[in-house]
Amino acid sequence: MNYIRQIKNLRQDSDYTQDYVAHYLGTSQTMYARYERGANELPIRHLIALCKLYNVSADYILGLDPNKRK
């Protein structure tokens, strides 16, 4: 589950709070925190939204491609 580390690093590198990202995704901060801890799996719709927010590919978030930019 490489995406857990990736979504946390992307958020921190962008200086976003969990609350900000959760609001962007249309979910609660508690649910987003569960994604970052790996307690809940990230839905595909949220993966797509995170790709747009951070301007990266899904392959990057999933750890399949080391290139950050699309």
C-alpha atoms as a PDB file:
ATOM      1  CA  MET A   1       0.000   0.000   0.000  1.00  0.00           C
ATOM      2  CA  ASN A   2       2.447   2.597  -1.219  1.00  0.00           C
ATOM      3  CA  TYR A   3      -0.350   5.077  -1.781  1.00  0.00           C
ATOM      4  CA  ILE A   4      -0.685   5.627   1.973  1.00  0.00           C
ATOM      5  CA  ARG A   5       2.814   7.081   2.190  1.00  0.00           C
ATOM      6  CA  GLN A   6       2.365   8.980  -1.075  1.00  0.00           C
ATOM      7  CA  ILE A   7      -0.859  10.775  -0.166  1.00  0.00           C
ATOM      8  CA  LYS A   8       0.574  11.858   3.169  1.00  0.00           C
ATOM      9  CA  ASN A   9       3.835  13.082   1.598  1.00  0.00           C
ATOM     10  CA  LEU A  10       1.996  14.939  -1.163  1.00  0.00           C
ATOM     11  CA  ARG A  11      -0.257  16.638   1.388  1.00  0.00           C
ATOM     12  CA  GLN A  12       2.646  17.653   3.619  1.00  0.00           C
ATOM     13  CA  ASP A  13       4.777  18.839   0.675  1.00  0.00           C
ATOM     14  CA  SER A  14       1.864  21.039  -0.417  1.00  0.00           C
ATOM     15  CA  ASP A  15       1.405  22.418   3.120  1.00  0.00           C
ATOM     16  CA  TYR A  16      -2.221  21.263   3.171  1.00  0.00           C
ATOM     17  CA  THR A  17      -4.009  20.159   6.307  1.00  0.00           C
ATOM     18  CA  GLN A  18      -5.968  16.936   6.485  1.00  0.00           C
ATOM     19  CA  ASP A  19      -9.058  19.092   6.925  1.00  0.00           C
ATOM     20  CA  TYR A  20      -8.360  20.997   3.688  1.00  0.00           C
ATOM     21  CA  VAL A  21      -7.864  17.815   1.655  1.00  0.00           C
ATOM     22  CA  ALA A  22     -10.914  16.192   3.235  1.00  0.00           C
ATOM     23  CA  HIS A  23     -13.022  19.223   2.320  1.00  0.00           C
ATOM     24  CA  TYR A  24     -11.678  19.076  -1.255  1.00  0.00           C
ATOM     25  CA  LEU A  25     -12.668  15.400  -1.437  1.00  0.00           C
ATOM     26  CA  GLY A  26     -16.071  16.027   0.110  1.00  0.00           C
ATOM     27  CA  THR A  27     -15.432  13.828   3.118  1.00  0.00           C
ATOM     28  CA  SER A  28     -14.659  14.321   6.793  1.00  0.00           C
ATOM     29  CA  GLN A  29     -11.216  14.932   8.249  1.00  0.00           C
ATOM     30  CA  THR A  30     -11.641  11.749  10.282  1.00  0.00           C
ATOM     31  CA  MET A  31     -12.272   9.657   7.158  1.00  0.00           C
ATOM     32  CA  TYR A  32      -9.322  11.232   5.338  1.00  0.00           C
ATOM     33  CA  ALA A  33      -7.068  10.527   8.331  1.00  0.00           C
ATOM     34  CA  ARG A  34      -8.193   6.892   8.102  1.00  0.00           C
ATOM     35  CA  TYR A  35      -7.016   6.818   4.454  1.00  0.00           C
ATOM     36  CA  GLU A  36      -3.589   8.127   5.492  1.00  0.00           C
ATOM     37  CA  ARG A  37      -3.320   5.516   8.252  1.00  0.00           C
ATOM     38  CA  GLY A  38      -4.478   2.702   6.003  1.00  0.00           C
ATOM     39  CA  ALA A  39      -7.509   1.966   8.173  1.00  0.00           C
ATOM     40  CA  ASN A  40      -9.792   2.517   5.150  1.00  0.00           C
ATOM     41  CA  GLU A  41      -9.046   1.996   1.479  1.00  0.00           C
ATOM     42  CA  LEU A  42      -9.031   5.064  -0.723  1.00  0.00           C
ATOM     43  CA  PRO A  43     -12.011   5.055  -3.124  1.00  0.00           C
ATOM     44  CA  ILE A  44     -11.177   5.457  -6.814  1.00  0.00           C
ATOM     45  CA  ARG A  45     -13.116   8.742  -6.978  1.00  0.00           C
ATOM     46  CA  HIS A  46     -10.868  10.141  -4.250  1.00  0.00           C
ATOM     47  CA  LEU A  47      -7.757   8.845  -6.013  1.00  0.00           C
ATOM     48  CA  ILE A  48      -8.822  10.712  -9.150  1.00  0.00           C
ATOM     49  CA  ALA A  49      -9.547  13.873  -7.157  1.00  0.00           C
ATOM     50  CA  LEU A  50      -6.126  13.693  -5.445  1.00  0.00           C
ATOM     51  CA  CYS A  51      -4.428  13.334  -8.840  1.00  0.00           C
ATOM     52  CA  LYS A  52      -6.119  16.554  -9.914  1.00  0.00           C
ATOM     53  CA  LEU A  53      -5.348  18.353  -6.645  1.00  0.00           C
ATOM     54  CA  TYR A  54      -1.634  17.506  -6.739  1.00  0.00           C
ATOM     55  CA  ASN A  55      -1.296  17.380 -10.548  1.00  0.00           C
ATOM     56  CA  VAL A  56       0.220  13.900 -10.495  1.00  0.00           C
ATOM     57  CA  SER A  57      -0.668  10.617 -12.142  1.00  0.00           C
ATOM     58  CA  ALA A  58      -2.525   7.811 -10.424  1.00  0.00           C
ATOM     59  CA  ASP A  59       0.493   5.609 -11.170  1.00  0.00           C
ATOM     60  CA  TYR A  60       2.646   7.951  -9.101  1.00  0.00           C
ATOM     61  CA  ILE A  61       0.292   7.865  -6.124  1.00  0.00           C
ATOM     62  CA  LEU A  62       0.015   4.078  -6.392  1.00  0.00           C
ATOM     63  CA  GLY A  63       3.801   3.712  -6.494  1.00  0.00           C
ATOM     64  CA  LEU A  64       3.876   2.294 -10.030  1.00  0.00           C
ATOM     65  CA  ASP A  65       5.750   5.219 -11.587  1.00  0.00           C
ATOM     66  CA  PRO A  66       8.528   7.226  -9.925  1.00  0.00           C
ATOM     67  CA  ASN A  67       7.800  10.286 -12.125  1.00  0.00           C
ATOM     68  CA  LYS A  68       5.753  12.775 -10.142  1.00  0.00           C
ATOM     69  CA  ARG A  69       4.339  14.806 -13.025  1.00  0.00           C
ATOM     70  CA  LYS A  70       1.807  13.570 -15.542  1.00  0.00           C
END
